[in-house]
Amino acid sequence: MFLWFYYEAFTIPKKEFFRAAVFVEGLLMQTLIIHLIRTEKIPFIQEVASWPVILATVLISTLGILIPETPVGKAIGFAHLPLTYFGFLVVLFFSYFMIGQLVKMLYIWVYKKWL
């Protein structure tokens, strides 16, 4: 909804921006989910993943953020993402993290164990 109203992503000229923004957001949120579900503890605070998982997370996230700025990104219909978008993404990332952690804690409280 933020993209829709703040960036007016509903207009035809902004569809490439919307496409790129949803791609980056989806990729980063899914990499976060990997860290959330791999442990019953709080990821990055109480338990840190192994170095291969951290390295893969950093590489995939970096590539995902850079793809809209490359010729490949332009070829698949992505537009440049302004820096203000990344401020929104940080807020969304932490919100998603907190909600995911709360749901995980609720699951553990109900079922007395984690997956």
PDB file of N, CA and C in Angstrom:
ATOM      1  N   MET A   1       0.836  -1.189   0.000  1.00  0.00           N
ATOM      2  CA  MET A   1       0.000   0.000   0.000  1.00  0.00           C
ATOM      3  C   MET A   1       0.881   1.253   0.000  1.00  0.00           C
ATOM      4  N   PHE A   2       2.013   1.163   0.716  1.00  0.00           N
ATOM      5  CA  PHE A   2       2.927   2.306   0.759  1.00  0.00           C
ATOM      6  C   PHE A   2       3.408   2.656  -0.654  1.00  0.00           C
ATOM      7  N   LEU A   3       3.819   1.646  -1.398  1.00  0.00           N
ATOM      8  CA  LEU A   3       4.284   1.888  -2.766  1.00  0.00           C
ATOM      9  C   LEU A   3       3.172   2.477  -3.620  1.00  0.00           C
ATOM     10  N   TRP A   4       1.988   1.986  -3.414  1.00  0.00           N
ATOM     11  CA  TRP A   4       0.828   2.422  -4.192  1.00  0.00           C
ATOM     12  C   TRP A   4       0.561   3.916  -4.000  1.00  0.00           C
ATOM     13  N   PHE A   5       0.554   4.363  -2.742  1.00  0.00           N
ATOM     14  CA  PHE A   5       0.184   5.751  -2.472  1.00  0.00           C
ATOM     15  C   PHE A   5       1.365   6.714  -2.464  1.00  0.00           C
ATOM     16  N   TYR A   6       2.444   6.360  -1.775  1.00  0.00           N
ATOM     17  CA  TYR A   6       3.568   7.293  -1.645  1.00  0.00           C
ATOM     18  C   TYR A   6       4.277   7.498  -2.979  1.00  0.00           C
ATOM     19  N   TYR A   7       4.530   6.425  -3.692  1.00  0.00           N
ATOM     20  CA  TYR A   7       5.240   6.519  -4.967  1.00  0.00           C
ATOM     21  C   TYR A   7       4.297   6.550  -6.166  1.00  0.00           C
ATOM     22  N   GLU A   8       2.993   6.518  -5.902  1.00  0.00           N
ATOM     23  CA  GLU A   8       1.985   6.498  -6.969  1.00  0.00           C
ATOM     24  C   GLU A   8       2.300   5.381  -7.970  1.00  0.00           C
ATOM     25  N   ALA A   9       2.600   4.210  -7.441  1.00  0.00           N
ATOM     26  CA  ALA A   9       3.013   3.075  -8.268  1.00  0.00           C
ATOM     27  C   ALA A   9       1.867   2.485  -9.077  1.00  0.00           C
ATOM     28  N   PHE A  10       0.678   3.035  -8.942  1.00  0.00           N
ATOM     29  CA  PHE A  10      -0.468   2.540  -9.702  1.00  0.00           C
ATOM     30  C   PHE A  10      -0.522   3.130 -11.104  1.00  0.00           C
ATOM     31  N   THR A  11       0.307   4.117 -11.393  1.00  0.00           N
ATOM     32  CA  THR A  11       0.275   4.730 -12.721  1.00  0.00           C
ATOM     33  C   THR A  11       1.103   3.894 -13.697  1.00  0.00           C
ATOM     34  N   ILE A  12       0.735   3.942 -14.938  1.00  0.00           N
ATOM     35  CA  ILE A  12       1.400   3.141 -15.972  1.00  0.00           C
ATOM     36  C   ILE A  12       2.910   3.417 -16.030  1.00  0.00           C
ATOM     37  N   PRO A  13       3.370   4.679 -15.996  1.00  0.00           N
ATOM     38  CA  PRO A  13       4.821   4.908 -16.071  1.00  0.00           C
ATOM     39  C   PRO A  13       5.592   4.340 -14.868  1.00  0.00           C
ATOM     40  N   LYS A  14       4.901   4.078 -13.777  1.00  0.00           N
ATOM     41  CA  LYS A  14       5.583   3.593 -12.571  1.00  0.00           C
ATOM     42  C   LYS A  14       5.554   2.077 -12.438  1.00  0.00           C
ATOM     43  N   LYS A  15       5.035   1.362 -13.398  1.00  0.00           N
ATOM     44  CA  LYS A  15       4.926  -0.085 -13.255  1.00  0.00           C
ATOM     45  C   LYS A  15       6.301  -0.747 -13.169  1.00  0.00           C
ATOM     46  N   GLU A  16       7.308  -0.206 -13.844  1.00  0.00           N
ATOM     47  CA  GLU A  16       8.655  -0.765 -13.761  1.00  0.00           C
ATOM     48  C   GLU A  16       9.235  -0.570 -12.366  1.00  0.00           C
ATOM     49  N   PHE A  17       8.944   0.587 -11.767  1.00  0.00           N
ATOM     50  CA  PHE A  17       9.378   0.830 -10.390  1.00  0.00           C
ATOM     51  C   PHE A  17       8.707  -0.166  -9.450  1.00  0.00           C
ATOM     52  N   PHE A  18       7.414  -0.336  -9.593  1.00  0.00           N
ATOM     53  CA  PHE A  18       6.672  -1.252  -8.736  1.00  0.00           C
ATOM     54  C   PHE A  18       7.208  -2.672  -8.873  1.00  0.00           C
ATOM     55  N   ARG A  19       7.470  -3.091 -10.086  1.00  0.00           N
ATOM     56  CA  ARG A  19       7.999  -4.428 -10.353  1.00  0.00           C
ATOM     57  C   ARG A  19       9.353  -4.620  -9.657  1.00  0.00           C
ATOM     58  N   ALA A  20      10.240  -3.657  -9.775  1.00  0.00           N
ATOM     59  CA  ALA A  20      11.561  -3.748  -9.142  1.00  0.00           C
ATOM     60  C   ALA A  20      11.444  -3.725  -7.616  1.00  0.00           C
ATOM     61  N   ALA A  21      10.576  -2.870  -7.101  1.00  0.00           N
ATOM     62  CA  ALA A  21      10.405  -2.749  -5.651  1.00  0.00           C
ATOM     63  C   ALA A  21       9.859  -4.040  -5.047  1.00  0.00           C
ATOM     64  N   VAL A  22       8.893  -4.639  -5.689  1.00  0.00           N
ATOM     65  CA  VAL A  22       8.317  -5.888  -5.191  1.00  0.00           C
ATOM     66  C   VAL A  22       9.339  -7.018  -5.286  1.00  0.00           C
ATOM     67  N   PHE A  23      10.137  -7.041  -6.336  1.00  0.00           N
ATOM     68  CA  PHE A  23      11.184  -8.056  -6.478  1.00  0.00           C
ATOM     69  C   PHE A  23      12.182  -7.967  -5.330  1.00  0.00           C
ATOM     70  N   VAL A  24      12.717  -6.783  -5.081  1.00  0.00           N
ATOM     71  CA  VAL A  24      13.719  -6.604  -4.021  1.00  0.00           C
ATOM     72  C   VAL A  24      13.106  -6.892  -2.662  1.00  0.00           C
ATOM     73  N   GLU A  25      11.932  -6.361  -2.405  1.00  0.00           N
ATOM     74  CA  GLU A  25      11.266  -6.594  -1.125  1.00  0.00           C
ATOM     75  C   GLU A  25      11.013  -8.086  -0.899  1.00  0.00           C
ATOM     76  N   GLY A  26      10.488  -8.765  -1.883  1.00  0.00           N
ATOM     77  CA  GLY A  26      10.205 -10.190  -1.752  1.00  0.00           C
ATOM     78  C   GLY A  26      11.455 -11.005  -1.500  1.00  0.00           C
ATOM     79  N   LEU A  27      12.511 -10.718  -2.235  1.00  0.00           N
ATOM     80  CA  LEU A  27      13.762 -11.450  -2.063  1.00  0.00           C
ATOM     81  C   LEU A  27      14.331 -11.256  -0.663  1.00  0.00           C
ATOM     82  N   LEU A  28      14.372 -10.017  -0.196  1.00  0.00           N
ATOM     83  CA  LEU A  28      14.925  -9.756   1.138  1.00  0.00           C
ATOM     84  C   LEU A  28      14.063 -10.349   2.246  1.00  0.00           C
ATOM     85  N   MET A  29      12.765 -10.295   2.088  1.00  0.00           N
ATOM     86  CA  MET A  29      11.895 -10.858   3.124  1.00  0.00           C
ATOM     87  C   MET A  29      12.014 -12.377   3.175  1.00  0.00           C
ATOM     88  N   GLN A  30      12.179 -13.020   2.035  1.00  0.00           N
ATOM     89  CA  GLN A  30      12.321 -14.476   2.031  1.00  0.00           C
ATOM     90  C   GLN A  30      13.659 -14.913   2.619  1.00  0.00           C
ATOM     91  N   THR A  31      14.704 -14.140   2.416  1.00  0.00           N
ATOM     92  CA  THR A  31      15.968 -14.486   3.064  1.00  0.00           C
ATOM     93  C   THR A  31      15.866 -14.288   4.570  1.00  0.00           C
ATOM     94  N   LEU A  32      15.086 -13.309   4.992  1.00  0.00           N
ATOM     95  CA  LEU A  32      14.855 -13.127   6.426  1.00  0.00           C
ATOM     96  C   LEU A  32      14.116 -14.321   7.016  1.00  0.00           C
ATOM     97  N   ILE A  33      13.139 -14.833   6.302  1.00  0.00           N
ATOM     98  CA  ILE A  33      12.364 -15.985   6.772  1.00  0.00           C
ATOM     99  C   ILE A  33      13.274 -17.185   7.012  1.00  0.00           C
ATOM    100  N   ILE A  34      14.269 -17.368   6.168  1.00  0.00           N
ATOM    101  CA  ILE A  34      15.207 -18.477   6.380  1.00  0.00           C
ATOM    102  C   ILE A  34      15.845 -18.370   7.757  1.00  0.00           C
ATOM    103  N   HIS A  35      16.237 -17.185   8.135  1.00  0.00           N
ATOM    104  CA  HIS A  35      16.866 -16.989   9.445  1.00  0.00           C
ATOM    105  C   HIS A  35      15.855 -17.126  10.582  1.00  0.00           C
ATOM    106  N   LEU A  36      14.629 -16.704  10.351  1.00  0.00           N
ATOM    107  CA  LEU A  36      13.610 -16.801  11.399  1.00  0.00           C
ATOM    108  C   LEU A  36      13.227 -18.245  11.702  1.00  0.00           C
ATOM    109  N   ILE A  37      13.089 -19.077  10.677  1.00  0.00           N
ATOM    110  CA  ILE A  37      12.590 -20.428  10.927  1.00  0.00           C
ATOM    111  C   ILE A  37      13.688 -21.433  11.264  1.00  0.00           C
ATOM    112  N   ARG A  38      14.945 -21.073  11.100  1.00  0.00           N
ATOM    113  CA  ARG A  38      16.008 -22.046  11.335  1.00  0.00           C
ATOM    114  C   ARG A  38      16.326 -22.254  12.811  1.00  0.00           C
ATOM    115  N   THR A  39      15.850 -21.402  13.681  1.00  0.00           N
ATOM    116  CA  THR A  39      16.138 -21.537  15.104  1.00  0.00           C
ATOM    117  C   THR A  39      14.948 -21.078  15.934  1.00  0.00           C
ATOM    118  N   GLU A  40      14.807 -21.654  17.112  1.00  0.00           N
ATOM    119  CA  GLU A  40      13.742 -21.181  17.999  1.00  0.00           C
ATOM    120  C   GLU A  40      14.170 -19.940  18.777  1.00  0.00           C
ATOM    121  N   LYS A  41      15.439 -19.613  18.710  1.00  0.00           N
ATOM    122  CA  LYS A  41      15.953 -18.408  19.377  1.00  0.00           C
ATOM    123  C   LYS A  41      15.762 -17.197  18.470  1.00  0.00           C
ATOM    124  N   ILE A  42      16.201 -16.041  18.962  1.00  0.00           N
ATOM    125  CA  ILE A  42      16.109 -14.820  18.162  1.00  0.00           C
ATOM    126  C   ILE A  42      17.309 -14.772  17.218  1.00  0.00           C
ATOM    127  N   PRO A  43      17.059 -14.831  15.902  1.00  0.00           N
ATOM    128  CA  PRO A  43      18.177 -14.822  14.959  1.00  0.00           C
ATOM    129  C   PRO A  43      18.991 -13.533  15.042  1.00  0.00           C
ATOM    130  N   PHE A  44      20.271 -13.645  14.834  1.00  0.00           N
ATOM    131  CA  PHE A  44      21.234 -12.539  14.832  1.00  0.00           C
ATOM    132  C   PHE A  44      21.531 -12.002  16.227  1.00  0.00           C
ATOM    133  N   ILE A  45      20.710 -12.332  17.212  1.00  0.00           N
ATOM    134  CA  ILE A  45      20.924 -11.833  18.575  1.00  0.00           C
ATOM    135  C   ILE A  45      21.311 -12.979  19.492  1.00  0.00           C
ATOM    136  N   GLN A  46      20.430 -13.963  19.634  1.00  0.00           N
ATOM    137  CA  GLN A  46      20.705 -15.097  20.502  1.00  0.00           C
ATOM    138  C   GLN A  46      21.467 -16.204  19.785  1.00  0.00           C
ATOM    139  N   GLU A  47      21.322 -16.282  18.483  1.00  0.00           N
ATOM    140  CA  GLU A  47      22.016 -17.311  17.709  1.00  0.00           C
ATOM    141  C   GLU A  47      22.292 -16.796  16.309  1.00  0.00           C
ATOM    142  N   VAL A  48      23.527 -16.965  15.896  1.00  0.00           N
ATOM    143  CA  VAL A  48      23.943 -16.532  14.561  1.00  0.00           C
ATOM    144  C   VAL A  48      24.118 -17.770  13.686  1.00  0.00           C
ATOM    145  N   ALA A  49      23.695 -17.673  12.455  1.00  0.00           N
ATOM    146  CA  ALA A  49      23.802 -18.791  11.513  1.00  0.00           C
ATOM    147  C   ALA A  49      25.271 -19.081  11.201  1.00  0.00           C
ATOM    148  N   SER A  50      25.501 -20.216  10.589  1.00  0.00           N
ATOM    149  CA  SER A  50      26.854 -20.583  10.176  1.00  0.00           C
ATOM    150  C   SER A  50      27.345 -19.613   9.101  1.00  0.00           C
ATOM    151  N   TRP A  51      28.656 -19.550   8.917  1.00  0.00           N
ATOM    152  CA  TRP A  51      29.199 -18.595   7.955  1.00  0.00           C
ATOM    153  C   TRP A  51      28.715 -18.862   6.525  1.00  0.00           C
ATOM    154  N   PRO A  52      28.501 -20.122   6.076  1.00  0.00           N
ATOM    155  CA  PRO A  52      27.964 -20.283   4.721  1.00  0.00           C
ATOM    156  C   PRO A  52      26.555 -19.686   4.555  1.00  0.00           C
ATOM    157  N   VAL A  53      25.725 -19.798   5.583  1.00  0.00           N
ATOM    158  CA  VAL A  53      24.369 -19.235   5.511  1.00  0.00           C
ATOM    159  C   VAL A  53      24.437 -17.710   5.499  1.00  0.00           C
ATOM    160  N   ILE A  54      25.285 -17.146   6.345  1.00  0.00           N
ATOM    161  CA  ILE A  54      25.444 -15.680   6.374  1.00  0.00           C
ATOM    162  C   ILE A  54      25.999 -15.183   5.038  1.00  0.00           C
ATOM    163  N   LEU A  55      27.002 -15.876   4.517  1.00  0.00           N
ATOM    164  CA  LEU A  55      27.591 -15.482   3.234  1.00  0.00           C
ATOM    165  C   LEU A  55      26.556 -15.553   2.111  1.00  0.00           C
ATOM    166  N   ALA A  56      25.782 -16.633   2.065  1.00  0.00           N
ATOM    167  CA  ALA A  56      24.742 -16.758   1.043  1.00  0.00           C
ATOM    168  C   ALA A  56      23.700 -15.655   1.185  1.00  0.00           C
ATOM    169  N   THR A  57      23.327 -15.333   2.406  1.00  0.00           N
ATOM    170  CA  THR A  57      22.353 -14.262   2.646  1.00  0.00           C
ATOM    171  C   THR A  57      22.873 -12.924   2.135  1.00  0.00           C
ATOM    172  N   VAL A  58      24.110 -12.613   2.454  1.00  0.00           N
ATOM    173  CA  VAL A  58      24.703 -11.334   2.025  1.00  0.00           C
ATOM    174  C   VAL A  58      24.820 -11.285   0.505  1.00  0.00           C
ATOM    175  N   LEU A  59      25.299 -12.363  -0.097  1.00  0.00           N
ATOM    176  CA  LEU A  59      25.462 -12.380  -1.558  1.00  0.00           C
ATOM    177  C   LEU A  59      24.124 -12.274  -2.283  1.00  0.00           C
ATOM    178  N   ILE A  60      23.151 -13.056  -1.872  1.00  0.00           N
ATOM    179  CA  ILE A  60      21.838 -13.033  -2.527  1.00  0.00           C
ATOM    180  C   ILE A  60      21.169 -11.673  -2.342  1.00  0.00           C
ATOM    181  N   SER A  61      21.254 -11.123  -1.146  1.00  0.00           N
ATOM    182  CA  SER A  61      20.640  -9.818  -0.884  1.00  0.00           C
ATOM    183  C   SER A  61      21.309  -8.723  -1.712  1.00  0.00           C
ATOM    184  N   THR A  62      22.625  -8.747  -1.764  1.00  0.00           N
ATOM    185  CA  THR A  62      23.355  -7.742  -2.538  1.00  0.00           C
ATOM    186  C   THR A  62      23.017  -7.843  -4.018  1.00  0.00           C
ATOM    187  N   LEU A  63      23.041  -9.055  -4.544  1.00  0.00           N
ATOM    188  CA  LEU A  63      22.688  -9.239  -5.956  1.00  0.00           C
ATOM    189  C   LEU A  63      21.256  -8.799  -6.237  1.00  0.00           C
ATOM    190  N   GLY A  64      20.349  -9.142  -5.342  1.00  0.00           N
ATOM    191  CA  GLY A  64      18.956  -8.757  -5.527  1.00  0.00           C
ATOM    192  C   GLY A  64      18.757  -7.253  -5.540  1.00  0.00           C
ATOM    193  N   ILE A  65      19.494  -6.557  -4.679  1.00  0.00           N
ATOM    194  CA  ILE A  65      19.391  -5.095  -4.632  1.00  0.00           C
ATOM    195  C   ILE A  65      20.008  -4.465  -5.881  1.00  0.00           C
ATOM    196  N   LEU A  66      21.064  -5.081  -6.393  1.00  0.00           N
ATOM    197  CA  LEU A  66      21.756  -4.509  -7.553  1.00  0.00           C
ATOM    198  C   LEU A  66      21.096  -4.833  -8.893  1.00  0.00           C
ATOM    199  N   ILE A  67      20.358  -5.915  -8.983  1.00  0.00           N
ATOM    200  CA  ILE A  67      19.775  -6.328 -10.268  1.00  0.00           C
ATOM    201  C   ILE A  67      18.965  -5.218 -10.947  1.00  0.00           C
ATOM    202  N   PRO A  68      18.110  -4.470 -10.247  1.00  0.00           N
ATOM    203  CA  PRO A  68      17.363  -3.417 -10.953  1.00  0.00           C
ATOM    204  C   PRO A  68      18.253  -2.344 -11.590  1.00  0.00           C
ATOM    205  N   GLU A  69      19.489  -2.223 -11.126  1.00  0.00           N
ATOM    206  CA  GLU A  69      20.393  -1.188 -11.647  1.00  0.00           C
ATOM    207  C   GLU A  69      21.241  -1.687 -12.813  1.00  0.00           C
ATOM    208  N   THR A  70      21.136  -2.947 -13.162  1.00  0.00           N
ATOM    209  CA  THR A  70      21.968  -3.531 -14.217  1.00  0.00           C
ATOM    210  C   THR A  70      21.215  -3.588 -15.549  1.00  0.00           C
ATOM    211  N   PRO A  71      21.944  -3.851 -16.632  1.00  0.00           N
ATOM    212  CA  PRO A  71      21.271  -4.040 -17.920  1.00  0.00           C
ATOM    213  C   PRO A  71      20.285  -5.213 -17.893  1.00  0.00           C
ATOM    214  N   VAL A  72      20.586  -6.245 -17.116  1.00  0.00           N
ATOM    215  CA  VAL A  72      19.652  -7.372 -16.983  1.00  0.00           C
ATOM    216  C   VAL A  72      18.349  -6.882 -16.359  1.00  0.00           C
ATOM    217  N   GLY A  73      18.448  -6.044 -15.334  1.00  0.00           N
ATOM    218  CA  GLY A  73      17.260  -5.487 -14.701  1.00  0.00           C
ATOM    219  C   GLY A  73      16.438  -4.655 -15.666  1.00  0.00           C
ATOM    220  N   LYS A  74      17.119  -3.864 -16.459  1.00  0.00           N
ATOM    221  CA  LYS A  74      16.402  -3.049 -17.454  1.00  0.00           C
ATOM    222  C   LYS A  74      15.711  -3.951 -18.482  1.00  0.00           C
ATOM    223  N   ALA A  75      16.391  -5.046 -18.854  1.00  0.00           N
ATOM    224  CA  ALA A  75      15.831  -5.952 -19.861  1.00  0.00           C
ATOM    225  C   ALA A  75      14.572  -6.665 -19.370  1.00  0.00           C
ATOM    226  N   ILE A  76      14.492  -6.916 -18.069  1.00  0.00           N
ATOM    227  CA  ILE A  76      13.304  -7.595 -17.543  1.00  0.00           C
ATOM    228  C   ILE A  76      12.271  -6.618 -16.992  1.00  0.00           C
ATOM    229  N   GLY A  77      12.501  -5.330 -17.240  1.00  0.00           N
ATOM    230  CA  GLY A  77      11.483  -4.332 -16.937  1.00  0.00           C
ATOM    231  C   GLY A  77      11.550  -3.731 -15.552  1.00  0.00           C
ATOM    232  N   PHE A  78      12.752  -3.649 -14.975  1.00  0.00           N
ATOM    233  CA  PHE A  78      12.912  -3.018 -13.665  1.00  0.00           C
ATOM    234  C   PHE A  78      13.354  -1.574 -13.846  1.00  0.00           C
ATOM    235  N   ALA A  79      12.994  -0.743 -12.888  1.00  0.00           N
ATOM    236  CA  ALA A  79      13.400   0.652 -12.891  1.00  0.00           C
ATOM    237  C   ALA A  79      14.327   0.918 -11.706  1.00  0.00           C
ATOM    238  N   HIS A  80      14.974   2.057 -11.737  1.00  0.00           N
ATOM    239  CA  HIS A  80      15.847   2.500 -10.641  1.00  0.00           C
ATOM    240  C   HIS A  80      15.023   2.674  -9.366  1.00  0.00           C
ATOM    241  N   LEU A  81      15.576   2.218  -8.237  1.00  0.00           N
ATOM    242  CA  LEU A  81      14.899   2.383  -6.947  1.00  0.00           C
ATOM    243  C   LEU A  81      15.541   3.543  -6.192  1.00  0.00           C
ATOM    244  N   PRO A  82      14.759   4.556  -5.818  1.00  0.00           N
ATOM    245  CA  PRO A  82      15.328   5.702  -5.105  1.00  0.00           C
ATOM    246  C   PRO A  82      15.750   5.319  -3.684  1.00  0.00           C
ATOM    247  N   LEU A  83      16.646   6.103  -3.108  1.00  0.00           N
ATOM    248  CA  LEU A  83      17.130   5.827  -1.750  1.00  0.00           C
ATOM    249  C   LEU A  83      16.012   5.862  -0.720  1.00  0.00           C
ATOM    250  N   THR A  84      14.991   6.667  -0.937  1.00  0.00           N
ATOM    251  CA  THR A  84      13.879   6.715   0.018  1.00  0.00           C
ATOM    252  C   THR A  84      13.187   5.366   0.123  1.00  0.00           C
ATOM    253  N   TYR A  85      13.196   4.609  -0.961  1.00  0.00           N
ATOM    254  CA  TYR A  85      12.593   3.277  -0.933  1.00  0.00           C
ATOM    255  C   TYR A  85      13.319   2.381   0.064  1.00  0.00           C
ATOM    256  N   PHE A  86      14.627   2.498   0.142  1.00  0.00           N
ATOM    257  CA  PHE A  86      15.395   1.640   1.046  1.00  0.00           C
ATOM    258  C   PHE A  86      15.155   2.011   2.513  1.00  0.00           C
ATOM    259  N   GLY A  87      14.839   3.260   2.787  1.00  0.00           N
ATOM    260  CA  GLY A  87      14.421   3.641   4.140  1.00  0.00           C
ATOM    261  C   GLY A  87      13.124   2.931   4.509  1.00  0.00           C
ATOM    262  N   PHE A  88      12.182   2.940   3.579  1.00  0.00           N
ATOM    263  CA  PHE A  88      10.926   2.198   3.778  1.00  0.00           C
ATOM    264  C   PHE A  88      11.208   0.713   3.963  1.00  0.00           C
ATOM    265  N   LEU A  89      12.139   0.184   3.201  1.00  0.00           N
ATOM    266  CA  LEU A  89      12.466  -1.238   3.262  1.00  0.00           C
ATOM    267  C   LEU A  89      13.054  -1.626   4.615  1.00  0.00           C
ATOM    268  N   VAL A  90      13.858  -0.761   5.200  1.00  0.00           N
ATOM    269  CA  VAL A  90      14.418  -1.039   6.530  1.00  0.00           C
ATOM    270  C   VAL A  90      13.299  -1.130   7.565  1.00  0.00           C
ATOM    271  N   VAL A  91      12.367  -0.199   7.525  1.00  0.00           N
ATOM    272  CA  VAL A  91      11.225  -0.220   8.453  1.00  0.00           C
ATOM    273  C   VAL A  91      10.393  -1.485   8.233  1.00  0.00           C
ATOM    274  N   LEU A  92      10.132  -1.814   6.991  1.00  0.00           N
ATOM    275  CA  LEU A  92       9.364  -3.017   6.666  1.00  0.00           C
ATOM    276  C   LEU A  92      10.095  -4.274   7.120  1.00  0.00           C
ATOM    277  N   PHE A  93      11.398  -4.314   6.920  1.00  0.00           N
ATOM    278  CA  PHE A  93      12.214  -5.459   7.297  1.00  0.00           C
ATOM    279  C   PHE A  93      12.129  -5.714   8.802  1.00  0.00           C
ATOM    280  N   PHE A  94      12.311  -4.661   9.604  1.00  0.00           N
ATOM    281  CA  PHE A  94      12.241  -4.829  11.057  1.00  0.00           C
ATOM    282  C   PHE A  94      10.824  -5.167  11.526  1.00  0.00           C
ATOM    283  N   SER A  95       9.828  -4.602  10.886  1.00  0.00           N
ATOM    284  CA  SER A  95       8.441  -4.947  11.224  1.00  0.00           C
ATOM    285  C   SER A  95       8.157  -6.408  10.920  1.00  0.00           C
ATOM    286  N   TYR A  96       8.586  -6.864   9.767  1.00  0.00           N
ATOM    287  CA  TYR A  96       8.405  -8.250   9.345  1.00  0.00           C
ATOM    288  C   TYR A  96       9.142  -9.185  10.309  1.00  0.00           C
ATOM    289  N   PHE A  97      10.343  -8.786  10.703  1.00  0.00           N
ATOM    290  CA  PHE A  97      11.134  -9.567  11.651  1.00  0.00           C
ATOM    291  C   PHE A  97      10.409  -9.700  12.988  1.00  0.00           C
ATOM    292  N   MET A  98       9.892  -8.602  13.489  1.00  0.00           N
ATOM    293  CA  MET A  98       9.204  -8.615  14.792  1.00  0.00           C
ATOM    294  C   MET A  98       7.928  -9.458  14.724  1.00  0.00           C
ATOM    295  N   ILE A  99       7.142  -9.309  13.693  1.00  0.00           N
ATOM    296  CA  ILE A  99       5.916 -10.101  13.555  1.00  0.00           C
ATOM    297  C   ILE A  99       6.250 -11.581  13.415  1.00  0.00           C
ATOM    298  N   GLY A 100       7.255 -11.889  12.603  1.00  0.00           N
ATOM    299  CA  GLY A 100       7.672 -13.283  12.450  1.00  0.00           C
ATOM    300  C   GLY A 100       8.149 -13.888  13.757  1.00  0.00           C
ATOM    301  N   GLN A 101       8.896 -13.130  14.519  1.00  0.00           N
ATOM    302  CA  GLN A 101       9.399 -13.613  15.809  1.00  0.00           C
ATOM    303  C   GLN A 101       8.239 -13.809  16.799  1.00  0.00           C
ATOM    304  N   LEU A 102       7.284 -12.907  16.809  1.00  0.00           N
ATOM    305  CA  LEU A 102       6.120 -13.050  17.692  1.00  0.00           C
ATOM    306  C   LEU A 102       5.284 -14.280  17.333  1.00  0.00           C
ATOM    307  N   VAL A 103       5.072 -14.499  16.052  1.00  0.00           N
ATOM    308  CA  VAL A 103       4.319 -15.677  15.614  1.00  0.00           C
ATOM    309  C   VAL A 103       5.073 -16.943  15.997  1.00  0.00           C
ATOM    310  N   LYS A 104       6.376 -16.932  15.841  1.00  0.00           N
ATOM    311  CA  LYS A 104       7.189 -18.088  16.211  1.00  0.00           C
ATOM    312  C   LYS A 104       7.097 -18.346  17.712  1.00  0.00           C
ATOM    313  N   MET A 105       7.167 -17.309  18.518  1.00  0.00           N
ATOM    314  CA  MET A 105       7.048 -17.465  19.979  1.00  0.00           C
ATOM    315  C   MET A 105       5.670 -17.995  20.359  1.00  0.00           C
ATOM    316  N   LEU A 106       4.633 -17.532  19.690  1.00  0.00           N
ATOM    317  CA  LEU A 106       3.280 -18.014  19.932  1.00  0.00           C
ATOM    318  C   LEU A 106       3.180 -19.494  19.579  1.00  0.00           C
ATOM    319  N   TYR A 107       3.758 -19.890  18.468  1.00  0.00           N
ATOM    320  CA  TYR A 107       3.770 -21.293  18.054  1.00  0.00           C
ATOM    321  C   TYR A 107       4.461 -22.147  19.119  1.00  0.00           C
ATOM    322  N   ILE A 108       5.622 -21.703  19.585  1.00  0.00           N
ATOM    323  CA  ILE A 108       6.356 -22.451  20.613  1.00  0.00           C
ATOM    324  C   ILE A 108       5.554 -22.512  21.905  1.00  0.00           C
ATOM    325  N   TRP A 109       4.873 -21.445  22.254  1.00  0.00           N
ATOM    326  CA  TRP A 109       4.060 -21.418  23.473  1.00  0.00           C
ATOM    327  C   TRP A 109       2.911 -22.425  23.383  1.00  0.00           C
ATOM    328  N   VAL A 110       2.282 -22.503  22.206  1.00  0.00           N
ATOM    329  CA  VAL A 110       1.149 -23.402  22.025  1.00  0.00           C
ATOM    330  C   VAL A 110       1.592 -24.864  21.931  1.00  0.00           C
ATOM    331  N   TYR A 111       2.612 -25.143  21.113  1.00  0.00           N
ATOM    332  CA  TYR A 111       3.021 -26.529  20.845  1.00  0.00           C
ATOM    333  C   TYR A 111       4.204 -27.012  21.685  1.00  0.00           C
ATOM    334  N   LYS A 112       4.772 -26.131  22.487  1.00  0.00           N
ATOM    335  CA  LYS A 112       5.862 -26.459  23.423  1.00  0.00           C
ATOM    336  C   LYS A 112       7.150 -26.912  22.735  1.00  0.00           C
ATOM    337  N   LYS A 113       7.273 -26.716  21.436  1.00  0.00           N
ATOM    338  CA  LYS A 113       8.496 -27.016  20.715  1.00  0.00           C
ATOM    339  C   LYS A 113       8.492 -26.269  19.393  1.00  0.00           C
ATOM    340  N   TRP A 114       9.660 -26.151  18.811  1.00  0.00           N
ATOM    341  CA  TRP A 114       9.793 -25.510  17.525  1.00  0.00           C
ATOM    342  C   TRP A 114      10.045 -26.563  16.462  1.00  0.00           C
ATOM    343  N   LEU A 115       9.383 -26.474  15.393  1.00  0.00           N
ATOM    344  CA  LEU A 115       9.452 -27.381  14.260  1.00  0.00           C
ATOM    345  C   LEU A 115      10.402 -28.507  14.541  1.00  0.00           C
TER     346      LEU A 115
END
